[in-house]
Amino acid sequence: MESLNAEVEMRSRNLPHWTRDGAVYWVTFRLADSLPQEKVAQLKAEREEWALQNPEPWTAEQQRDSATRFTKRVQTWLDAGYGSCVLGRSIIRKHVCNCLLRFDGTRLRLHAAVIMPNHVHALVEPLGESELSDLLKGIKGASARLVNQALGRSGVFWMDESYDRIVRNSKEYAYFLRYIRENPVKVQLAEAEYWLYFMKS
């Protein structure tokens, strides 16, 4: 990973997105039906209220507070297994796996990933001129088409918004690697219900 002094650019939609040349990103994206609408509405209202009370720029303490209040809670809900959980089916999961690995070594370096029944976590390093947003759009778009075709349906497959953040140091990197490894174990998934990948050193 490059020095943390490299230039950082922030883009914003519903969630903050930070970019930096040569960075590794912790990325999470989920199925469109992975959270009940009442929980999504509840979280949105709480985020808006919190943002009113905590205008940007945020301190490190505010960032930690936001992560504790919102990010960790969403992860707990995802691990509860809401929605169709079609990624728990090997034939469906294989399409997503192939899309994650398609440009590994050319447009991106996939450091690690886990495909859970209703969401994906990955450590992704864009290569060359590749932008993380474009890479995620391609992975999600291609996999959605393949999966919908396999399921004989159409419509939204992934939640449009993804979560990403720069991995700031080796301690965080080790933490995310451990999280990926332990995620399926923590929720007691059978080996046939998930896909785990780690880059060869």
C-alpha atoms as a PDB file:
ATOM      1  CA  MET A   1       0.000   0.000   0.000  1.00  0.00           C
ATOM      2  CA  GLU A   2       1.268   3.459  -0.830  1.00  0.00           C
ATOM      3  CA  SER A   3       1.976   6.139   1.730  1.00  0.00           C
ATOM      4  CA  LEU A   4      -1.054   7.685   3.381  1.00  0.00           C
ATOM      5  CA  ASN A   5       0.259  11.115   2.318  1.00  0.00           C
ATOM      6  CA  ALA A   6      -0.966  10.597  -1.243  1.00  0.00           C
ATOM      7  CA  GLU A   7      -3.630  13.055  -2.393  1.00  0.00           C
ATOM      8  CA  VAL A   8      -7.146  12.201  -1.287  1.00  0.00           C
ATOM      9  CA  GLU A   9     -10.294  13.166  -3.204  1.00  0.00           C
ATOM     10  CA  MET A  10     -13.777  13.013  -1.695  1.00  0.00           C
ATOM     11  CA  ARG A  11     -16.931  12.345  -3.674  1.00  0.00           C
ATOM     12  CA  SER A  12     -20.366  12.237  -2.128  1.00  0.00           C
ATOM     13  CA  ARG A  13     -23.769  10.816  -2.876  1.00  0.00           C
ATOM     14  CA  ASN A  14     -25.693   9.276   0.007  1.00  0.00           C
ATOM     15  CA  LEU A  15     -22.497   8.073   1.625  1.00  0.00           C
ATOM     16  CA  PRO A  16     -19.034   9.633   1.573  1.00  0.00           C
ATOM     17  CA  HIS A  17     -16.608   8.125  -0.947  1.00  0.00           C
ATOM     18  CA  TRP A  18     -12.887   8.793  -0.591  1.00  0.00           C
ATOM     19  CA  THR A  19     -10.384   8.143  -3.366  1.00  0.00           C
ATOM     20  CA  ARG A  20      -6.580   8.174  -3.443  1.00  0.00           C
ATOM     21  CA  ASP A  21      -4.131   6.988  -6.064  1.00  0.00           C
ATOM     22  CA  GLY A  22      -2.616   3.609  -5.182  1.00  0.00           C
ATOM     23  CA  ALA A  23      -5.055   2.940  -2.330  1.00  0.00           C
ATOM     24  CA  VAL A  24      -6.646  -0.290  -1.189  1.00  0.00           C
ATOM     25  CA  TYR A  25     -10.365   0.044  -0.419  1.00  0.00           C
ATOM     26  CA  TRP A  26     -12.665  -1.824   1.927  1.00  0.00           C
ATOM     27  CA  VAL A  27     -15.824  -2.295  -0.130  1.00  0.00           C
ATOM     28  CA  THR A  28     -19.261  -3.620   0.786  1.00  0.00           C
ATOM     29  CA  PHE A  29     -22.206  -4.022  -1.563  1.00  0.00           C
ATOM     30  CA  ARG A  30     -25.467  -5.837  -0.946  1.00  0.00           C
ATOM     31  CA  LEU A  31     -28.548  -7.276  -2.598  1.00  0.00           C
ATOM     32  CA  ALA A  32     -31.430  -4.873  -3.177  1.00  0.00           C
ATOM     33  CA  ASP A  33     -33.657  -6.881  -0.825  1.00  0.00           C
ATOM     34  CA  SER A  34     -31.026  -7.469   1.866  1.00  0.00           C
ATOM     35  CA  LEU A  35     -32.587  -5.088   4.405  1.00  0.00           C
ATOM     36  CA  PRO A  36     -36.261  -4.658   5.292  1.00  0.00           C
ATOM     37  CA  GLN A  37     -37.628  -1.288   4.158  1.00  0.00           C
ATOM     38  CA  GLU A  38     -38.569  -0.290   7.689  1.00  0.00           C
ATOM     39  CA  LYS A  39     -34.955  -0.704   8.801  1.00  0.00           C
ATOM     40  CA  VAL A  40     -33.720   1.292   5.786  1.00  0.00           C
ATOM     41  CA  ALA A  41     -36.179   4.090   6.598  1.00  0.00           C
ATOM     42  CA  GLN A  42     -35.223   4.041  10.269  1.00  0.00           C
ATOM     43  CA  LEU A  43     -31.523   4.220   9.455  1.00  0.00           C
ATOM     44  CA  LYS A  44     -32.018   7.038   6.943  1.00  0.00           C
ATOM     45  CA  ALA A  45     -33.948   9.131   9.470  1.00  0.00           C
ATOM     46  CA  GLU A  46     -31.323   8.553  12.157  1.00  0.00           C
ATOM     47  CA  ARG A  47     -28.478   9.399   9.752  1.00  0.00           C
ATOM     48  CA  GLU A  48     -30.172  12.645   8.731  1.00  0.00           C
ATOM     49  CA  GLU A  49     -30.732  13.622  12.365  1.00  0.00           C
ATOM     50  CA  TRP A  50     -27.127  12.763  13.243  1.00  0.00           C
ATOM     51  CA  ALA A  51     -25.827  14.772  10.250  1.00  0.00           C
ATOM     52  CA  LEU A  52     -27.812  17.827  11.376  1.00  0.00           C
ATOM     53  CA  GLN A  53     -26.165  17.606  14.787  1.00  0.00           C
ATOM     54  CA  ASN A  54     -22.724  16.836  13.333  1.00  0.00           C
ATOM     55  CA  PRO A  55     -22.014  19.091  10.339  1.00  0.00           C
ATOM     56  CA  GLU A  56     -18.923  18.327   8.247  1.00  0.00           C
ATOM     57  CA  PRO A  57     -15.968  18.298   8.366  1.00  0.00           C
ATOM     58  CA  TRP A  58     -16.085  15.485  10.891  1.00  0.00           C
ATOM     59  CA  THR A  59     -13.510  14.884  13.588  1.00  0.00           C
ATOM     60  CA  ALA A  60     -11.983  11.437  14.070  1.00  0.00           C
ATOM     61  CA  GLU A  61     -14.287  10.963  17.060  1.00  0.00           C
ATOM     62  CA  GLN A  62     -17.367  11.829  14.955  1.00  0.00           C
ATOM     63  CA  GLN A  63     -16.268   9.383  12.253  1.00  0.00           C
ATOM     64  CA  ARG A  64     -15.940   6.634  14.876  1.00  0.00           C
ATOM     65  CA  ASP A  65     -19.337   7.541  16.290  1.00  0.00           C
ATOM     66  CA  SER A  66     -20.924   7.336  12.819  1.00  0.00           C
ATOM     67  CA  ALA A  67     -19.313   3.949  12.173  1.00  0.00           C
ATOM     68  CA  THR A  68     -20.539   2.614  15.514  1.00  0.00           C
ATOM     69  CA  ARG A  69     -24.064   3.957  15.085  1.00  0.00           C
ATOM     70  CA  PHE A  70     -24.658   3.088  11.446  1.00  0.00           C
ATOM     71  CA  THR A  71     -22.063   0.943   9.657  1.00  0.00           C
ATOM     72  CA  LYS A  72     -21.801  -1.724  12.334  1.00  0.00           C
ATOM     73  CA  ARG A  73     -25.569  -1.876  12.736  1.00  0.00           C
ATOM     74  CA  VAL A  74     -26.066  -2.413   8.983  1.00  0.00           C
ATOM     75  CA  GLN A  75     -23.476  -5.181   9.080  1.00  0.00           C
ATOM     76  CA  THR A  76     -25.324  -6.866  11.936  1.00  0.00           C
ATOM     77  CA  TRP A  77     -28.580  -6.677   9.957  1.00  0.00           C
ATOM     78  CA  LEU A  78     -26.897  -8.101   6.841  1.00  0.00           C
ATOM     79  CA  ASP A  79     -25.475 -10.995   8.821  1.00  0.00           C
ATOM     80  CA  ALA A  80     -28.979 -11.734  10.133  1.00  0.00           C
ATOM     81  CA  GLY A  81     -29.783 -13.019   6.623  1.00  0.00           C
ATOM     82  CA  TYR A  82     -32.671 -10.827   5.497  1.00  0.00           C
ATOM     83  CA  GLY A  83     -33.958 -10.990   1.919  1.00  0.00           C
ATOM     84  CA  SER A  84     -33.768 -13.659  -0.748  1.00  0.00           C
ATOM     85  CA  CYS A  85     -30.108 -14.511   0.034  1.00  0.00           C
ATOM     86  CA  VAL A  86     -29.678 -15.870  -3.501  1.00  0.00           C
ATOM     87  CA  LEU A  87     -25.889 -15.563  -3.202  1.00  0.00           C
ATOM     88  CA  GLY A  88     -26.098 -18.576  -0.930  1.00  0.00           C
ATOM     89  CA  ARG A  89     -26.701 -20.647  -4.079  1.00  0.00           C
ATOM     90  CA  SER A  90     -23.455 -21.801  -5.689  1.00  0.00           C
ATOM     91  CA  ILE A  91     -24.551 -21.238  -9.303  1.00  0.00           C
ATOM     92  CA  ILE A  92     -25.539 -17.633  -8.522  1.00  0.00           C
ATOM     93  CA  ARG A  93     -22.472 -16.978  -6.397  1.00  0.00           C
ATOM     94  CA  LYS A  94     -20.235 -18.222  -9.218  1.00  0.00           C
ATOM     95  CA  HIS A  95     -21.391 -15.398 -11.523  1.00  0.00           C
ATOM     96  CA  VAL A  96     -20.458 -12.797  -8.899  1.00  0.00           C
ATOM     97  CA  CYS A  97     -17.136 -14.527  -8.226  1.00  0.00           C
ATOM     98  CA  ASN A  98     -16.268 -14.500 -11.944  1.00  0.00           C
ATOM     99  CA  CYS A  99     -17.105 -10.796 -12.215  1.00  0.00           C
ATOM    100  CA  LEU A 100     -14.943  -9.963  -9.185  1.00  0.00           C
ATOM    101  CA  LEU A 101     -11.990 -11.846 -10.670  1.00  0.00           C
ATOM    102  CA  ARG A 102     -12.457 -10.902 -14.339  1.00  0.00           C
ATOM    103  CA  PHE A 103     -10.035  -7.969 -14.317  1.00  0.00           C
ATOM    104  CA  ASP A 104      -7.891  -9.072 -11.393  1.00  0.00           C
ATOM    105  CA  GLY A 105      -4.296  -8.201 -12.264  1.00  0.00           C
ATOM    106  CA  THR A 106      -5.212  -5.801 -15.082  1.00  0.00           C
ATOM    107  CA  ARG A 107      -7.693  -3.168 -13.877  1.00  0.00           C
ATOM    108  CA  LEU A 108      -7.690  -4.098 -10.201  1.00  0.00           C
ATOM    109  CA  ARG A 109      -5.964  -6.237  -7.629  1.00  0.00           C
ATOM    110  CA  LEU A 110      -8.379  -8.220  -5.482  1.00  0.00           C
ATOM    111  CA  HIS A 111      -6.631  -8.641  -2.140  1.00  0.00           C
ATOM    112  CA  ALA A 112      -9.447 -10.574  -0.471  1.00  0.00           C
ATOM    113  CA  ALA A 113     -13.203 -11.095  -0.718  1.00  0.00           C
ATOM    114  CA  VAL A 114     -16.098 -12.972   0.772  1.00  0.00           C
ATOM    115  CA  ILE A 115     -19.450 -13.506  -0.913  1.00  0.00           C
ATOM    116  CA  MET A 116     -22.093 -13.938   1.774  1.00  0.00           C
ATOM    117  CA  PRO A 117     -25.709 -14.945   1.038  1.00  0.00           C
ATOM    118  CA  ASN A 118     -26.908 -11.324   0.724  1.00  0.00           C
ATOM    119  CA  HIS A 119     -23.781  -9.159   0.524  1.00  0.00           C
ATOM    120  CA  VAL A 120     -20.140  -8.958  -0.554  1.00  0.00           C
ATOM    121  CA  HIS A 121     -17.077  -7.647   1.246  1.00  0.00           C
ATOM    122  CA  ALA A 122     -13.830  -7.065  -0.652  1.00  0.00           C
ATOM    123  CA  LEU A 123     -10.435  -5.423  -0.387  1.00  0.00           C
ATOM    124  CA  VAL A 124      -9.882  -3.862  -3.811  1.00  0.00           C
ATOM    125  CA  GLU A 125      -6.901  -1.966  -5.220  1.00  0.00           C
ATOM    126  CA  PRO A 126      -7.618  -0.145  -8.505  1.00  0.00           C
ATOM    127  CA  LEU A 127      -4.719  -0.397 -10.965  1.00  0.00           C
ATOM    128  CA  GLY A 128      -3.486   2.128 -13.516  1.00  0.00           C
ATOM    129  CA  GLU A 129      -6.112   4.710 -14.459  1.00  0.00           C
ATOM    130  CA  SER A 130      -8.999   2.593 -13.181  1.00  0.00           C
ATOM    131  CA  GLU A 131     -11.437   4.326 -10.829  1.00  0.00           C
ATOM    132  CA  LEU A 132     -13.029   2.414  -7.979  1.00  0.00           C
ATOM    133  CA  SER A 133     -16.506   3.706  -8.869  1.00  0.00           C
ATOM    134  CA  ASP A 134     -16.157   2.445 -12.453  1.00  0.00           C
ATOM    135  CA  LEU A 135     -14.846  -0.920 -11.292  1.00  0.00           C
ATOM    136  CA  LEU A 136     -17.747  -1.416  -8.889  1.00  0.00           C
ATOM    137  CA  LYS A 137     -20.260  -0.308 -11.496  1.00  0.00           C
ATOM    138  CA  GLY A 138     -18.841  -2.869 -13.926  1.00  0.00           C
ATOM    139  CA  ILE A 139     -18.746  -5.709 -11.384  1.00  0.00           C
ATOM    140  CA  LYS A 140     -22.260  -5.047 -10.134  1.00  0.00           C
ATOM    141  CA  GLY A 141     -23.736  -4.399 -13.588  1.00  0.00           C
ATOM    142  CA  ALA A 142     -22.256  -7.493 -15.233  1.00  0.00           C
ATOM    143  CA  SER A 143     -23.067  -9.787 -12.330  1.00  0.00           C
ATOM    144  CA  ALA A 144     -26.655  -8.461 -12.089  1.00  0.00           C
ATOM    145  CA  ARG A 145     -27.244  -9.236 -15.776  1.00  0.00           C
ATOM    146  CA  LEU A 146     -25.827 -12.743 -15.462  1.00  0.00           C
ATOM    147  CA  VAL A 147     -27.700 -13.532 -12.258  1.00  0.00           C
ATOM    148  CA  ASN A 148     -31.015 -12.177 -13.521  1.00  0.00           C
ATOM    149  CA  GLN A 149     -30.593 -14.258 -16.657  1.00  0.00           C
ATOM    150  CA  ALA A 150     -29.830 -17.358 -14.585  1.00  0.00           C
ATOM    151  CA  LEU A 151     -32.888 -16.706 -12.409  1.00  0.00           C
ATOM    152  CA  GLY A 152     -35.105 -15.930 -15.409  1.00  0.00           C
ATOM    153  CA  ARG A 153     -36.041 -12.504 -14.136  1.00  0.00           C
ATOM    154  CA  SER A 154     -35.248  -8.824 -14.589  1.00  0.00           C
ATOM    155  CA  GLY A 155     -35.058  -5.761 -12.399  1.00  0.00           C
ATOM    156  CA  VAL A 156     -32.812  -4.435  -9.668  1.00  0.00           C
ATOM    157  CA  PHE A 157     -30.438  -6.992  -8.178  1.00  0.00           C
ATOM    158  CA  TRP A 158     -27.916  -4.954  -6.169  1.00  0.00           C
ATOM    159  CA  MET A 159     -28.612  -2.002  -3.915  1.00  0.00           C
ATOM    160  CA  ASP A 160     -27.445   0.967  -5.976  1.00  0.00           C
ATOM    161  CA  GLU A 161     -25.301   2.437  -3.206  1.00  0.00           C
ATOM    162  CA  SER A 162     -22.083   0.712  -2.144  1.00  0.00           C
ATOM    163  CA  TYR A 163     -19.981   1.406   0.922  1.00  0.00           C
ATOM    164  CA  ASP A 164     -16.265   2.022   0.479  1.00  0.00           C
ATOM    165  CA  ARG A 165     -13.458   3.478   2.514  1.00  0.00           C
ATOM    166  CA  ILE A 166      -9.703   3.739   2.184  1.00  0.00           C
ATOM    167  CA  VAL A 167      -7.667   1.284   4.219  1.00  0.00           C
ATOM    168  CA  ARG A 168      -5.493   3.733   6.119  1.00  0.00           C
ATOM    169  CA  ASN A 169      -2.699   1.537   7.504  1.00  0.00           C
ATOM    170  CA  SER A 170      -1.452  -2.025   7.928  1.00  0.00           C
ATOM    171  CA  LYS A 171      -3.389  -2.463  11.181  1.00  0.00           C
ATOM    172  CA  GLU A 172      -6.678  -1.695   9.394  1.00  0.00           C
ATOM    173  CA  TYR A 173      -5.654  -3.927   6.505  1.00  0.00           C
ATOM    174  CA  ALA A 174      -5.056  -6.849   8.890  1.00  0.00           C
ATOM    175  CA  TYR A 175      -8.386  -6.122  10.598  1.00  0.00           C
ATOM    176  CA  PHE A 176     -10.313  -6.264   7.304  1.00  0.00           C
ATOM    177  CA  LEU A 177      -8.549  -9.453   6.220  1.00  0.00           C
ATOM    178  CA  ARG A 178      -9.549 -11.017   9.525  1.00  0.00           C
ATOM    179  CA  TYR A 179     -13.114  -9.727   9.169  1.00  0.00           C
ATOM    180  CA  ILE A 180     -13.437 -11.305   5.723  1.00  0.00           C
ATOM    181  CA  ARG A 181     -12.072 -14.626   6.990  1.00  0.00           C
ATOM    182  CA  GLU A 182     -14.290 -14.700  10.068  1.00  0.00           C
ATOM    183  CA  ASN A 183     -17.545 -13.331   8.613  1.00  0.00           C
ATOM    184  CA  PRO A 184     -18.984 -16.668   7.387  1.00  0.00           C
ATOM    185  CA  VAL A 185     -17.756 -18.449  10.521  1.00  0.00           C
ATOM    186  CA  LYS A 186     -19.360 -15.858  12.796  1.00  0.00           C
ATOM    187  CA  VAL A 187     -22.809 -16.483  11.307  1.00  0.00           C
ATOM    188  CA  GLN A 188     -22.207 -20.247  11.105  1.00  0.00           C
ATOM    189  CA  LEU A 189     -22.557 -20.643   7.344  1.00  0.00           C
ATOM    190  CA  ALA A 190     -21.905 -24.011   5.763  1.00  0.00           C
ATOM    191  CA  GLU A 191     -18.957 -24.039   3.356  1.00  0.00           C
ATOM    192  CA  ALA A 192     -21.352 -24.433   0.410  1.00  0.00           C
ATOM    193  CA  GLU A 193     -23.104 -21.146   1.281  1.00  0.00           C
ATOM    194  CA  TYR A 194     -20.252 -18.677   0.754  1.00  0.00           C
ATOM    195  CA  TRP A 195     -17.096 -17.948  -1.264  1.00  0.00           C
ATOM    196  CA  LEU A 196     -13.810 -16.861   0.287  1.00  0.00           C
ATOM    197  CA  TYR A 197     -10.804 -15.506  -1.593  1.00  0.00           C
ATOM    198  CA  PHE A 198      -7.346 -14.300  -0.543  1.00  0.00           C
ATOM    199  CA  MET A 199      -4.679 -13.009  -2.902  1.00  0.00           C
ATOM    200  CA  LYS A 200      -1.633 -15.230  -3.133  1.00  0.00           C
ATOM    201  CA  SER A 201       1.425 -13.508  -1.720  1.00  0.00           C
END
